[in-house]
C-alpha atoms as a PDB file:
ATOM      1  CA  UNK A   1     -39.918   5.407 -30.169  1.00  0.00           C
ATOM      2  CA  UNK A   2     -42.236   4.954 -33.172  1.00  0.00           C
ATOM      3  CA  UNK A   3     -44.489   2.020 -33.454  1.00  0.00           C
ATOM      4  CA  UNK A   4     -42.675   0.728 -36.670  1.00  0.00           C
ATOM      5  CA  UNK A   5     -39.513   0.464 -34.663  1.00  0.00           C
ATOM      6  CA  UNK A   6     -40.897  -1.570 -31.810  1.00  0.00           C
ATOM      7  CA  UNK A   7     -40.027  -5.141 -31.420  1.00  0.00           C
ATOM      8  CA  UNK A   8     -43.056  -7.519 -30.759  1.00  0.00           C
ATOM      9  CA  UNK A   9     -43.317  -9.747 -27.651  1.00  0.00           C
ATOM     10  CA  UNK A  10     -42.942 -13.446 -28.871  1.00  0.00           C
ATOM     11  CA  UNK A  11     -46.122 -14.654 -26.748  1.00  0.00           C
ATOM     12  CA  UNK A  12     -46.627 -18.147 -27.341  1.00  0.00           C
ATOM     13  CA  UNK A  13     -43.526 -18.693 -29.730  1.00  0.00           C
ATOM     14  CA  UNK A  14     -41.049 -21.394 -28.872  1.00  0.00           C
ATOM     15  CA  UNK A  15     -38.978 -21.453 -31.734  1.00  0.00           C
ATOM     16  CA  UNK A  16     -35.789 -19.619 -31.842  1.00  0.00           C
ATOM     17  CA  UNK A  17     -35.599 -19.335 -35.666  1.00  0.00           C
ATOM     18  CA  UNK A  18     -39.019 -17.738 -35.719  1.00  0.00           C
ATOM     19  CA  UNK A  19     -38.279 -15.171 -32.925  1.00  0.00           C
ATOM     20  CA  UNK A  20     -34.987 -14.250 -34.924  1.00  0.00           C
ATOM     21  CA  UNK A  21     -36.266 -14.024 -38.259  1.00  0.00           C
ATOM     22  CA  UNK A  22     -39.593 -12.449 -37.080  1.00  0.00           C
ATOM     23  CA  UNK A  23     -38.466  -9.399 -35.417  1.00  0.00           C
ATOM     24  CA  UNK A  24     -39.195 -10.153 -32.099  1.00  0.00           C
ATOM     25  CA  UNK A  25     -37.878  -9.011 -28.870  1.00  0.00           C
ATOM     26  CA  UNK A  26     -35.153 -11.449 -27.592  1.00  0.00           C
ATOM     27  CA  UNK A  27     -33.049 -11.681 -24.459  1.00  0.00           C
ATOM     28  CA  UNK A  28     -29.547 -13.011 -25.527  1.00  0.00           C
ATOM     29  CA  UNK A  29     -28.770 -16.185 -23.629  1.00  0.00           C
ATOM     30  CA  UNK A  30     -25.880 -16.965 -25.765  1.00  0.00           C
ATOM     31  CA  UNK A  31     -23.052 -16.628 -23.134  1.00  0.00           C
ATOM     32  CA  UNK A  32     -25.039 -18.834 -20.765  1.00  0.00           C
ATOM     33  CA  UNK A  33     -25.399 -21.205 -23.521  1.00  0.00           C
ATOM     34  CA  UNK A  34     -21.631 -21.016 -24.527  1.00  0.00           C
ATOM     35  CA  UNK A  35     -20.619 -22.011 -20.853  1.00  0.00           C
ATOM     36  CA  UNK A  36     -23.216 -24.959 -20.911  1.00  0.00           C
ATOM     37  CA  UNK A  37     -21.777 -26.336 -24.305  1.00  0.00           C
ATOM     38  CA  UNK A  38     -18.111 -25.913 -23.073  1.00  0.00           C
ATOM     39  CA  UNK A  39     -18.592 -27.729 -19.534  1.00  0.00           C
ATOM     40  CA  UNK A  40     -19.611 -30.830 -21.306  1.00  0.00           C
ATOM     41  CA  UNK A  41     -21.506 -32.269 -18.467  1.00  0.00           C
ATOM     42  CA  UNK A  42     -25.330 -33.402 -18.146  1.00  0.00           C
ATOM     43  CA  UNK A  43     -27.911 -31.054 -17.237  1.00  0.00           C
ATOM     44  CA  UNK A  44     -31.402 -31.331 -15.740  1.00  0.00           C
ATOM     45  CA  UNK A  45     -33.628 -28.405 -16.782  1.00  0.00           C
ATOM     46  CA  UNK A  46     -35.843 -28.332 -13.561  1.00  0.00           C
ATOM     47  CA  UNK A  47     -37.675 -24.820 -14.202  1.00  0.00           C
ATOM     48  CA  UNK A  48     -41.045 -23.859 -13.682  1.00  0.00           C
ATOM     49  CA  UNK A  49     -43.496 -23.719 -16.565  1.00  0.00           C
ATOM     50  CA  UNK A  50     -43.225 -20.897 -18.968  1.00  0.00           C
ATOM     51  CA  UNK A  51     -39.560 -20.237 -18.064  1.00  0.00           C
ATOM     52  CA  UNK A  52     -38.227 -20.800 -21.604  1.00  0.00           C
ATOM     53  CA  UNK A  53     -37.039 -24.477 -21.557  1.00  0.00           C
ATOM     54  CA  UNK A  54     -38.509 -25.413 -24.998  1.00  0.00           C
ATOM     55  CA  UNK A  55     -36.932 -22.163 -26.235  1.00  0.00           C
ATOM     56  CA  UNK A  56     -33.723 -22.929 -24.843  1.00  0.00           C
ATOM     57  CA  UNK A  57     -33.490 -26.554 -26.415  1.00  0.00           C
ATOM     58  CA  UNK A  58     -34.493 -24.998 -29.716  1.00  0.00           C
ATOM     59  CA  UNK A  59     -31.719 -22.371 -29.515  1.00  0.00           C
ATOM     60  CA  UNK A  60     -29.226 -25.115 -28.814  1.00  0.00           C
ATOM     61  CA  UNK A  61     -30.697 -27.339 -31.754  1.00  0.00           C
ATOM     62  CA  UNK A  62     -30.126 -24.194 -34.201  1.00  0.00           C
ATOM     63  CA  UNK A  63     -26.490 -23.874 -32.630  1.00  0.00           C
ATOM     64  CA  UNK A  64     -25.576 -27.454 -33.248  1.00  0.00           C
ATOM     65  CA  UNK A  65     -27.355 -27.363 -36.752  1.00  0.00           C
ATOM     66  CA  UNK A  66     -24.820 -24.625 -37.857  1.00  0.00           C
ATOM     67  CA  UNK A  67     -27.395 -22.002 -38.651  1.00  0.00           C
ATOM     68  CA  UNK A  68     -24.993 -19.151 -37.892  1.00  0.00           C
ATOM     69  CA  UNK A  69     -27.353 -16.427 -39.544  1.00  0.00           C
ATOM     70  CA  UNK A  70     -29.542 -16.740 -36.701  1.00  0.00           C
ATOM     71  CA  UNK A  71     -26.894 -15.752 -34.085  1.00  0.00           C
ATOM     72  CA  UNK A  72     -25.627 -12.639 -35.927  1.00  0.00           C
ATOM     73  CA  UNK A  73     -25.499  -9.700 -33.773  1.00  0.00           C
ATOM     74  CA  UNK A  74     -25.496 -11.832 -30.475  1.00  0.00           C
ATOM     75  CA  UNK A  75     -23.007 -12.565 -27.839  1.00  0.00           C
END
């Protein structure tokens, strides 16, 4: 794979929009997010540090703001 085609790792980036618009590597978690939204329950995010809690919440924010362009090509 050529260096121009490689995606960069989003080290230290916690905003979904910056990752999607900046051409960073992103693991698609939208199937899990869809299940969370459809279950209509309360959730306690108890994960260790550096496990993507802030990124998950920012992804939910973008979803509820209706920013569809960010989700193109995802689940």
